[in-house]
C-alpha atoms as a PDB file:
ATOM      1  CA  MET A   1       0.039   0.044  -0.035  1.00  0.00           C
ATOM      2  CA  GLN A   2       2.746   2.502   0.827  1.00  0.00           C
ATOM      3  CA  THR A   3       4.446   1.861  -2.546  1.00  0.00           C
ATOM      4  CA  ALA A   4       1.159   2.599  -4.259  1.00  0.00           C
ATOM      5  CA  VAL A   5       0.508   5.832  -2.334  1.00  0.00           C
ATOM      6  CA  ARG A   6       4.069   7.147  -2.239  1.00  0.00           C
ATOM      7  CA  PRO A   7       3.935   8.861  -5.845  1.00  0.00           C
ATOM      8  CA  LEU A   8       0.931  10.805  -4.632  1.00  0.00           C
ATOM      9  CA  ALA A   9       2.803  12.431  -1.683  1.00  0.00           C
ATOM     10  CA  LEU A  10       4.032  15.452  -3.608  1.00  0.00           C
ATOM     11  CA  PRO A  11       0.784  16.402  -5.292  1.00  0.00           C
ATOM     12  CA  PHE A  12      -1.080  15.932  -2.052  1.00  0.00           C
ATOM     13  CA  PHE A  13       1.423  18.070  -0.186  1.00  0.00           C
ATOM     14  CA  LEU A  14       1.339  20.798  -2.841  1.00  0.00           C
ATOM     15  CA  GLY A  15      -2.446  20.834  -2.875  1.00  0.00           C
ATOM     16  CA  GLY A  16      -2.659  20.848   0.868  1.00  0.00           C
ATOM     17  CA  LEU A  17      -0.031  23.531   1.159  1.00  0.00           C
ATOM     18  CA  LEU A  18      -1.900  25.792  -1.189  1.00  0.00           C
ATOM     19  CA  LEU A  19      -5.358  25.132   0.192  1.00  0.00           C
ATOM     20  CA  ALA A  20      -5.247  27.816   3.071  1.00  0.00           C
ATOM     21  CA  PRO A  21      -3.669  30.587   0.994  1.00  0.00           C
ATOM     22  CA  VAL A  22      -6.282  30.101  -1.832  1.00  0.00           C
ATOM     23  CA  ALA A  23      -9.113  30.088   0.673  1.00  0.00           C
ATOM     24  CA  VAL A  24      -7.778  33.278   2.400  1.00  0.00           C
ATOM     25  CA  CYS A  25      -7.263  35.114  -0.817  1.00  0.00           C
ATOM     26  CA  LYS A  26     -10.620  34.003  -2.064  1.00  0.00           C
ATOM     27  CA  GLY A  27     -12.238  35.181   1.175  1.00  0.00           C
ATOM     28  CA  VAL A  28     -10.594  38.629   0.889  1.00  0.00           C
ATOM     29  CA  LEU A  29     -11.745  38.992  -2.780  1.00  0.00           C
ATOM     30  CA  LEU A  30     -15.253  38.041  -1.718  1.00  0.00           C
ATOM     31  CA  VAL A  31     -15.337  40.612   1.073  1.00  0.00           C
ATOM     32  CA  ARG A  32     -13.977  43.148  -1.400  1.00  0.00           C
ATOM     33  CA  ARG A  33     -16.834  42.140  -3.626  1.00  0.00           C
ATOM     34  CA  GLU A  34     -14.598  41.489  -6.611  1.00  0.00           C
ATOM     35  CA  LEU A  35     -17.008  38.945  -7.869  1.00  0.00           C
ATOM     36  CA  GLY A  36     -16.378  39.661 -11.549  1.00  0.00           C
ATOM     37  CA  PHE A  37     -12.648  38.815 -11.144  1.00  0.00           C
ATOM     38  CA  LEU A  38     -13.430  35.625  -9.125  1.00  0.00           C
ATOM     39  CA  ALA A  39     -15.896  34.579 -11.801  1.00  0.00           C
ATOM     40  CA  GLY A  40     -13.337  35.168 -14.490  1.00  0.00           C
ATOM     41  CA  VAL A  41     -10.683  33.150 -12.618  1.00  0.00           C
ATOM     42  CA  TYR A  42     -13.050  30.262 -12.062  1.00  0.00           C
ATOM     43  CA  ALA A  43     -14.269  30.245 -15.650  1.00  0.00           C
ATOM     44  CA  ALA A  44     -10.658  30.419 -16.985  1.00  0.00           C
ATOM     45  CA  SER A  45      -9.330  27.822 -14.568  1.00  0.00           C
ATOM     46  CA  THR A  46     -12.174  25.393 -15.312  1.00  0.00           C
ATOM     47  CA  ALA A  47     -11.779  25.959 -19.069  1.00  0.00           C
ATOM     48  CA  LEU A  48      -8.115  25.003 -18.774  1.00  0.00           C
ATOM     49  CA  LEU A  49      -8.496  22.172 -16.234  1.00  0.00           C
ATOM     50  CA  SER A  50     -11.187  20.215 -18.047  1.00  0.00           C
ATOM     51  CA  PRO A  51      -9.341  19.704 -21.305  1.00  0.00           C
ATOM     52  CA  ALA A  52      -6.111  18.775 -19.335  1.00  0.00           C
ATOM     53  CA  LEU A  53      -8.025  16.150 -17.470  1.00  0.00           C
ATOM     54  CA  PHE A  54      -9.595  14.796 -20.564  1.00  0.00           C
ATOM     55  CA  ARG A  55      -6.119  14.592 -22.269  1.00  0.00           C
ATOM     56  CA  ILE A  56      -4.837  12.673 -19.257  1.00  0.00           C
ATOM     57  CA  LYS A  57      -7.786  10.297 -19.637  1.00  0.00           C
ATOM     58  CA  ARG A  58      -7.301   9.842 -23.337  1.00  0.00           C
ATOM     59  CA  SER A  59      -3.659   9.046 -22.891  1.00  0.00           C
ATOM     60  CA  SER A  60      -4.389   6.509 -20.190  1.00  0.00           C
ATOM     61  CA  GLY A  61      -2.587   8.730 -17.761  1.00  0.00           C
ATOM     62  CA  THR A  62      -2.002   7.722 -14.136  1.00  0.00           C
ATOM     63  CA  VAL A  63      -3.723   8.884 -10.917  1.00  0.00           C
ATOM     64  CA  VAL A  64      -0.474  10.787 -10.228  1.00  0.00           C
ATOM     65  CA  MET A  65      -0.942  12.844 -13.370  1.00  0.00           C
ATOM     66  CA  ILE A  66      -4.439  13.778 -12.363  1.00  0.00           C
ATOM     67  CA  TRP A  67      -3.338  14.927  -8.976  1.00  0.00           C
ATOM     68  CA  ASN A  68      -0.447  16.848 -10.469  1.00  0.00           C
ATOM     69  CA  ALA A  69      -3.004  18.629 -12.605  1.00  0.00           C
ATOM     70  CA  PHE A  70      -5.056  19.513  -9.596  1.00  0.00           C
ATOM     71  CA  ALA A  71      -1.923  20.854  -7.774  1.00  0.00           C
ATOM     72  CA  VAL A  72      -1.104  23.109 -10.789  1.00  0.00           C
ATOM     73  CA  PHE A  73      -4.735  24.182 -10.891  1.00  0.00           C
ATOM     74  CA  GLN A  74      -4.442  25.338  -7.172  1.00  0.00           C
ATOM     75  CA  LEU A  75      -1.169  27.046  -7.894  1.00  0.00           C
ATOM     76  CA  LEU A  76      -2.525  29.022 -10.835  1.00  0.00           C
ATOM     77  CA  ARG A  77      -5.484  30.122  -8.800  1.00  0.00           C
ATOM     78  CA  GLU A  78      -3.298  31.227  -5.923  1.00  0.00           C
ATOM     79  CA  VAL A  79      -1.099  33.176  -8.271  1.00  0.00           C
ATOM     80  CA  MET A  80      -4.095  34.985  -9.771  1.00  0.00           C
ATOM     81  CA  PHE A  81      -5.725  35.649  -6.457  1.00  0.00           C
ATOM     82  CA  ALA A  82      -2.570  36.898  -4.740  1.00  0.00           C
ATOM     83  CA  GLY A  83      -1.606  38.843  -7.853  1.00  0.00           C
ATOM     84  CA  ARG A  84      -4.960  40.628  -7.697  1.00  0.00           C
ATOM     85  CA  LEU A  85      -4.531  41.401  -3.950  1.00  0.00           C
ATOM     86  CA  TRP A  86      -0.839  42.338  -3.737  1.00  0.00           C
ATOM     87  CA  GLY A  87       0.532  42.375  -7.269  1.00  0.00           C
ATOM     88  CA  GLY A  88      -0.203  46.040  -8.026  1.00  0.00           C
ATOM     89  CA  ARG A  89       1.398  47.260  -4.830  1.00  0.00           C
ATOM     90  CA  PHE A  90       4.481  45.172  -5.386  1.00  0.00           C
ATOM     91  CA  ILE A  91       4.843  46.412  -9.015  1.00  0.00           C
ATOM     92  CA  ARG A  92       4.364  50.092  -7.940  1.00  0.00           C
ATOM     93  CA  LYS A  93       6.964  49.624  -5.247  1.00  0.00           C
ATOM     94  CA  MET A  94       9.451  48.135  -7.601  1.00  0.00           C
ATOM     95  CA  ILE A  95       8.898  50.684 -10.375  1.00  0.00           C
ATOM     96  CA  GLY A  96       9.118  53.578  -7.816  1.00  0.00           C
ATOM     97  CA  ARG A  97      12.481  52.473  -6.834  1.00  0.00           C
ATOM     98  CA  THR A  98      15.066  54.669  -8.614  1.00  0.00           C
ATOM     99  CA  THR A  99      18.269  53.209  -7.151  1.00  0.00           C
ATOM    100  CA  VAL A 100      19.420  49.666  -6.776  1.00  0.00           C
ATOM    101  CA  PRO A 101      20.038  48.842  -3.130  1.00  0.00           C
ATOM    102  CA  GLY A 102      23.808  48.490  -2.445  1.00  0.00           C
ATOM    103  CA  ALA A 103      24.793  50.088  -5.729  1.00  0.00           C
ATOM    104  CA  VAL A 104      27.653  52.736  -5.646  1.00  0.00           C
END
């Protein structure tokens, strides 16, 4: 049994690791009433995930491949959610910097 489950450890770990940040970001976006953005992210991610899962099925892919797809799905959603919340501030901060720290 351990041998059968061992390949699933990484995708399960990554999916679990990303679960809380995705939920928190989604909650903040809901409170901010950014429903159009959330709907767009869900539509886009579902539109990308479904064909990927069908491709895995057609190619007789493994369960590990399916769980890897779900882990990537979570990662992409986290990047989009976090980017919406903090990306603009980060970019403005980087662009506003006129000197490179430590440069002479």
